Every structure is written in C-alpha cells, then in structure tokens.
Amino acid sequence: MVQKYGVYVDSIWPWSSGYDGANDKCGHGTSMASVAAAPRNDKGQPVGVAYNCNLVTYRATSNVVLDGYHELEGVKTAYINLANNVNVRVISMSMGNIISSGKIEDAIKYAYSKGKLMFCAAGTSTSFTTFAGVIFPAWMPEVVAVTGIKDASTYQACDVCHTGSKVEFTIMMQRVTSGNKIPVKSYYDGQGDYSGGSSVATATTSGIATLVWAKNPSWTRDQVLQKLRQSAQFYTNRHPEFGYGMPDALKAMQ
C-alpha cells in the first residue's frame, strides 16, 4: 500500500498557506522511494530493496536543500505526522543542510521518542565541498547517518559524498571505472534513471532496515539497528570516516 501526502506551501511568504499537493515535482524523492520500495515489475525497471513493504511519502520541500521557511515547516510537519503514525517504523530522508533548524530538531526528537528508526543522508554536494563533513540533520544522535562509496578494493567515498565520525553505514553505489550510479525508477511514467550520492545510500539502508524489522516485528528500534551493525564490515572496529561500513542484508536477515 502506498499513501502520499503533501505538506509543502509553495511560496516565499511565511504567511502563505495551502499545500501544493503530494506529487513530487523535482524527482529526487520519487527516485529515493524507488530505491527503498519499488515493487516487482515486468517492465524491466529496478526493484526496491523492500519491494513488498507499505510506503508513506511526504512532499515537504521544493528541493533537497532545507533552507526556506516553508521547507523547514514542511519537514517538521512530515516528521511529526510520521511519528504519530503507529504503522510507520522506519523514516528515511535524503535531504539536509550545513545549517541546523530548531524546529526540525524538535520534530526528529519527537519521532525518536515514538520509537522510529530514522536514516538521513550524510551529505551530497560537489567534489569541492565534501570537506564539510556530515550535514544536518544526519549529525543528530537520534538519526543514523549514511553515505555512499565506490566499488573499489578499499573504502573510498563517492565523488560527491560526505564522510565523517557521525557516519554509521555506507552503501556501494558508484563504479570506479565508469562512474555509473544506481538504476532507479524516475518520475516520468515508464522511464528509468540513475541516481547516486549519500541519498541513494540512505534509501538503500532504510530498505534493509525495513526487511529486518518485517522479519522480526516484535523487535525494538535498537534491536534492528544493532542487527544492522553486527552485519557490517567494521562492527568490531568502527571506522572514523565510514562508521560500521556496509551492512550485509543477507546476514542481517539470518
């Protein structure tokens, strides 16, 4: 089952009201939802990690940088609504900023108090700005920061991915030789696309967490997170930039 909601006001004026709908207008959110939850199909299109899960989506912003008044309000509202939805267990957001927001912090802390397992992108920018480290809200202790790496013999951040001590997990999402990324379903009907960065890594990890929780429905958030950590490469010796490394979905399900 898919449920779609819109909580974004498309206006530069703080006093404006009226949400502009649930449909994605930039394509990023649709691609991330595809990575985590796209169903099986006979169209030759990619399949999501947790392809049989229920999905609740929120259009809360106009783009991936959380900087406008109504974007901050939208994300706050989305987190609060998801926190109050007893059927939601995993929350994934591949957006952020290098500047924090008190209202989003409060909403995330509220969702955490409701037992939600939250994943946020560690940061995706350009090859010249990845030095900024893990961005907000991924740096918050209530959420799990995820970033992307290349398919190299050693851990290497993707060309546009941020790393840092706040990172917990990584996902391989860029080929070293070609630079190709992860195939996803795009926001154009019947078409595919390629996506990368810490965004797609976050959506992938969220999908793995969903699989683990679906197999163990009586578990708590902390038990699911611990299982992911135990399945990862650096569980016994956490890496200073890549955290526990790549979670092993098969191992986490066993």
Protein backbone atom coordinates (compact mmCIF):
# COMPACT_ATOMS: atom_id res chain seq x y z
CA MET A 1 0.00 0.00 0.00
CA VAL A 2 1.23 3.49 -0.87
CA GLN A 3 0.00 6.61 0.90
CA LYS A 4 1.01 10.04 -0.39
CA TYR A 5 0.75 13.35 1.45
CA GLY A 6 1.76 16.91 0.71
CA VAL A 7 2.74 19.39 3.43
CA TYR A 8 4.66 21.99 1.44
CA VAL A 9 3.47 25.55 0.79
CA ASP A 10 4.99 26.81 -2.45
CA SER A 11 5.52 30.44 -1.51
CA ILE A 12 8.29 32.74 -0.34
CA TRP A 13 5.91 34.44 2.09
CA PRO A 14 5.76 32.94 5.60
CA TRP A 15 2.09 33.87 6.00
CA SER A 16 1.03 31.94 2.91
CA SER A 17 -0.99 28.75 3.35
CA GLY A 18 -2.32 25.93 1.23
CA TYR A 19 -0.30 22.82 0.41
CA ASP A 20 0.58 22.27 -3.24
CA GLY A 21 -0.12 18.54 -3.31
CA ALA A 22 1.56 15.20 -2.74
CA ASN A 23 3.18 14.76 -6.14
CA ASP A 24 6.95 15.06 -6.45
CA LYS A 25 7.99 17.99 -8.64
CA CYS A 26 11.77 17.59 -8.60
CA GLY A 27 12.09 13.81 -8.96
CA HIS A 28 14.57 13.22 -6.16
CA GLY A 29 12.07 11.88 -3.66
CA THR A 30 10.49 9.58 -6.22
CA SER A 31 13.88 8.10 -7.05
CA MET A 32 14.67 7.51 -3.38
CA ALA A 33 11.28 5.88 -2.79
CA SER A 34 12.07 3.64 -5.77
CA VAL A 35 15.38 2.52 -4.28
CA ALA A 36 13.77 1.58 -0.98
CA ALA A 37 10.39 0.24 -2.02
CA ALA A 38 9.71 -0.05 -5.78
CA PRO A 39 7.62 -3.21 -6.37
CA ARG A 40 8.49 -6.11 -8.59
CA ASN A 41 7.50 -5.47 -12.18
CA ASP A 42 7.63 -6.87 -15.70
CA LYS A 43 8.72 -3.57 -17.26
CA GLY A 44 12.44 -4.13 -16.98
CA GLN A 45 12.59 -1.48 -14.26
CA PRO A 46 14.61 -1.60 -11.00
CA VAL A 47 13.13 -3.22 -7.89
CA GLY A 48 13.37 -1.70 -4.42
CA VAL A 49 15.20 -3.30 -1.52
CA ALA A 50 12.00 -3.79 0.49
CA TYR A 51 9.82 -4.21 -2.60
CA ASN A 52 6.82 -5.62 -0.71
CA CYS A 53 6.64 -3.00 2.04
CA ASN A 54 3.99 -0.38 2.71
CA LEU A 55 5.16 3.11 1.80
CA VAL A 56 4.14 6.51 3.19
CA THR A 57 5.56 9.50 1.32
CA TYR A 58 5.55 13.21 2.14
CA ARG A 59 6.22 16.07 -0.25
CA ALA A 60 7.65 18.54 2.26
CA THR A 61 10.04 20.72 0.23
CA SER A 62 10.71 22.06 -3.25
CA ASN A 63 14.22 20.56 -3.46
CA VAL A 64 16.87 18.75 -1.42
CA VAL A 65 18.34 21.76 0.42
CA LEU A 66 16.40 22.59 3.58
CA ASP A 67 16.60 26.37 3.67
CA GLY A 68 13.25 28.06 3.09
CA TYR A 69 10.66 28.84 5.78
CA HIS A 70 8.04 26.57 4.24
CA GLU A 71 10.58 23.81 3.62
CA LEU A 72 11.53 23.75 7.29
CA GLU A 73 7.85 23.81 8.24
CA GLY A 74 7.10 21.04 5.77
CA VAL A 75 9.81 18.72 7.06
CA LYS A 76 8.80 19.42 10.64
CA THR A 77 5.19 18.57 9.87
CA ALA A 78 6.17 15.41 7.99
CA TYR A 79 8.27 14.09 10.88
CA ILE A 80 5.54 14.82 13.42
CA ASN A 81 2.89 13.14 11.29
CA LEU A 82 5.08 10.11 10.70
CA ALA A 83 5.88 9.96 14.40
CA ASN A 84 2.17 9.82 15.18
CA ASN A 85 1.51 7.10 12.60
CA VAL A 86 1.67 3.83 14.52
CA ASN A 87 2.14 1.87 11.31
CA VAL A 88 5.39 3.67 10.44
CA ARG A 89 8.61 2.25 11.83
CA VAL A 90 11.39 3.41 9.51
CA ILE A 91 11.78 7.01 8.31
CA SER A 92 14.23 7.91 5.55
CA MET A 93 15.21 11.41 4.42
CA SER A 94 17.83 12.20 1.79
CA MET A 95 17.86 15.97 2.29
CA GLY A 96 19.59 18.42 4.61
CA ASN A 97 21.76 21.49 5.03
CA ILE A 98 25.03 22.54 6.65
CA ILE A 99 22.93 24.72 8.99
CA SER A 100 20.65 23.25 11.63
CA SER A 101 16.98 24.02 12.25
CA GLY A 102 15.50 24.02 15.74
CA LYS A 103 12.02 23.10 14.54
CA ILE A 104 13.32 20.10 12.61
CA GLU A 105 15.49 19.07 15.55
CA ASP A 106 12.44 19.09 17.81
CA ALA A 107 10.37 17.09 15.32
CA ILE A 108 13.09 14.47 14.96
CA LYS A 109 13.47 14.17 18.72
CA TYR A 110 9.71 13.71 18.95
CA ALA A 111 9.80 10.94 16.33
CA TYR A 112 12.67 9.32 18.20
CA SER A 113 10.59 9.32 21.38
CA LYS A 114 7.97 7.36 19.43
CA GLY A 115 10.46 4.59 18.65
CA LYS A 116 11.07 5.41 14.99
CA LEU A 117 14.29 4.30 13.29
CA MET A 118 15.44 7.28 11.22
CA PHE A 119 18.05 7.40 8.48
CA CYS A 120 19.42 10.62 6.97
CA ALA A 121 21.90 11.31 4.19
CA ALA A 122 25.35 12.29 5.42
CA GLY A 123 25.64 14.81 2.62
CA THR A 124 25.95 15.03 -1.15
CA SER A 125 27.39 18.09 -2.83
CA THR A 126 30.32 18.51 -5.23
CA SER A 127 33.83 17.12 -5.29
CA PHE A 128 35.00 20.52 -3.99
CA THR A 129 32.69 20.75 -0.96
CA THR A 130 32.69 17.26 0.54
CA PHE A 131 35.12 18.55 3.19
CA ALA A 132 32.10 19.97 5.04
CA GLY A 133 31.55 16.64 6.79
CA VAL A 134 28.23 15.17 7.85
CA ILE A 135 25.37 17.62 7.38
CA PHE A 136 22.20 18.36 9.34
CA PRO A 137 20.12 16.52 10.40
CA ALA A 138 22.31 13.45 9.83
CA TRP A 139 24.68 14.66 12.55
CA MET A 140 21.95 14.36 15.20
CA PRO A 141 22.34 11.42 17.62
CA GLU A 142 18.69 10.48 17.09
CA VAL A 143 19.24 9.59 13.43
CA VAL A 144 21.53 7.22 11.54
CA ALA A 145 23.84 8.89 9.01
CA VAL A 146 24.58 7.03 5.77
CA THR A 147 26.94 7.80 2.89
CA GLY A 148 27.97 6.26 -0.43
CA ILE A 149 31.21 4.59 -1.51
CA LYS A 150 32.80 3.32 -4.73
CA ASP A 151 33.21 -0.33 -5.72
CA ALA A 152 36.94 -0.18 -5.00
CA SER A 153 39.06 -2.73 -3.15
CA THR A 154 39.33 -0.24 -0.27
CA TYR A 155 36.73 2.11 1.14
CA GLN A 156 36.54 5.28 -0.96
CA ALA A 157 33.79 7.87 -0.69
CA CYS A 158 31.83 8.52 -3.86
CA ASP A 159 32.88 11.62 -5.79
CA VAL A 160 30.20 13.80 -4.19
CA CYS A 161 29.66 12.05 -0.83
CA HIS A 162 30.40 13.45 2.62
CA THR A 163 32.07 11.36 5.32
CA GLY A 164 32.85 11.85 9.00
CA SER A 165 32.67 10.47 12.51
CA LYS A 166 28.87 10.70 12.55
CA VAL A 167 28.52 8.24 9.65
CA GLU A 168 27.21 4.83 10.74
CA PHE A 169 26.78 2.97 7.44
CA THR A 170 27.91 3.06 3.84
CA ILE A 171 26.45 1.64 0.64
CA MET A 172 28.41 0.88 -2.53
CA MET A 173 26.76 2.99 -5.24
CA GLN A 174 29.40 4.17 -7.73
CA ARG A 175 31.58 2.22 -10.14
CA VAL A 176 35.22 3.27 -10.05
CA THR A 177 35.83 2.76 -13.75
CA SER A 178 32.74 4.34 -15.29
CA GLY A 179 31.27 6.48 -12.53
CA ASN A 180 27.88 4.84 -13.08
CA LYS A 181 25.39 5.07 -10.25
CA ILE A 182 22.36 3.06 -9.07
CA PRO A 183 19.46 2.49 -11.51
CA VAL A 184 16.14 3.79 -10.20
CA LYS A 185 12.62 4.40 -11.42
CA SER A 186 12.30 8.03 -12.42
CA TYR A 187 9.35 10.38 -12.01
CA TYR A 188 8.45 10.05 -15.68
CA ASP A 189 5.99 7.19 -16.22
CA GLY A 190 7.67 4.11 -17.60
CA GLN A 191 11.15 5.57 -17.59
CA GLY A 192 14.27 4.79 -15.60
CA ASP A 193 17.14 6.90 -14.38
CA TYR A 194 20.40 6.69 -12.45
CA SER A 195 20.95 8.21 -9.04
CA GLY A 196 23.78 8.30 -6.54
CA GLY A 197 25.32 10.09 -3.60
CA SER A 198 24.54 9.65 0.06
CA SER A 199 20.88 9.99 -0.90
CA VAL A 200 20.63 6.62 -2.61
CA ALA A 201 22.83 5.05 0.08
CA THR A 202 20.38 6.24 2.72
CA ALA A 203 17.34 4.90 0.88
CA THR A 204 19.07 1.54 0.41
CA THR A 205 19.94 1.22 4.09
CA SER A 206 16.40 2.17 5.05
CA GLY A 207 15.17 -0.64 2.85
CA ILE A 208 17.46 -3.14 4.54
CA ALA A 209 16.26 -1.99 7.97
CA THR A 210 12.68 -2.44 6.79
CA LEU A 211 13.41 -6.03 5.76
CA VAL A 212 14.96 -6.83 9.14
CA TRP A 213 12.06 -5.30 11.07
CA ALA A 214 9.50 -7.07 8.88
CA LYS A 215 11.11 -10.40 9.69
CA ASN A 216 11.27 -9.53 13.40
CA PRO A 217 8.12 -7.46 14.03
CA SER A 218 8.39 -7.68 17.82
CA TRP A 219 11.83 -6.08 17.87
CA THR A 220 12.54 -2.55 19.01
CA ARG A 221 14.33 0.12 17.01
CA ASP A 222 17.55 -0.52 18.91
CA GLN A 223 17.44 -4.25 18.19
CA VAL A 224 17.02 -3.65 14.46
CA LEU A 225 19.85 -1.11 14.44
CA GLN A 226 22.11 -3.45 16.38
CA LYS A 227 21.44 -6.23 13.88
CA LEU A 228 22.49 -3.93 11.04
CA ARG A 229 25.65 -3.00 12.89
CA GLN A 230 26.52 -6.63 13.57
CA SER A 231 26.14 -7.45 9.88
CA ALA A 232 28.50 -4.68 8.77
CA GLN A 233 32.21 -4.97 7.99
CA PHE A 234 33.59 -2.73 10.75
CA TYR A 235 31.28 -3.82 13.57
CA THR A 236 34.09 -4.60 15.99
CA ASN A 237 36.29 -1.68 14.93
CA ARG A 238 34.27 1.33 13.78
CA HIS A 239 35.94 3.35 11.03
CA PRO A 240 36.46 7.09 11.76
CA GLU A 241 35.01 8.14 8.38
CA PHE A 242 32.78 5.25 7.26
CA GLY A 243 31.32 4.05 10.55
CA TYR A 244 30.41 0.36 10.59
CA GLY A 245 30.78 0.15 6.83
CA MET A 246 28.40 -1.69 4.54
CA PRO A 247 25.56 -3.63 6.17
CA ASP A 248 25.09 -7.14 4.77
CA ALA A 249 21.38 -7.55 4.04
CA LEU A 250 21.52 -11.35 3.87
CA LYS A 251 23.49 -11.64 7.10
CA ALA A 252 21.16 -9.20 8.84
CA MET A 253 18.17 -11.34 7.84
CA GLN A 254 19.65 -14.58 9.17
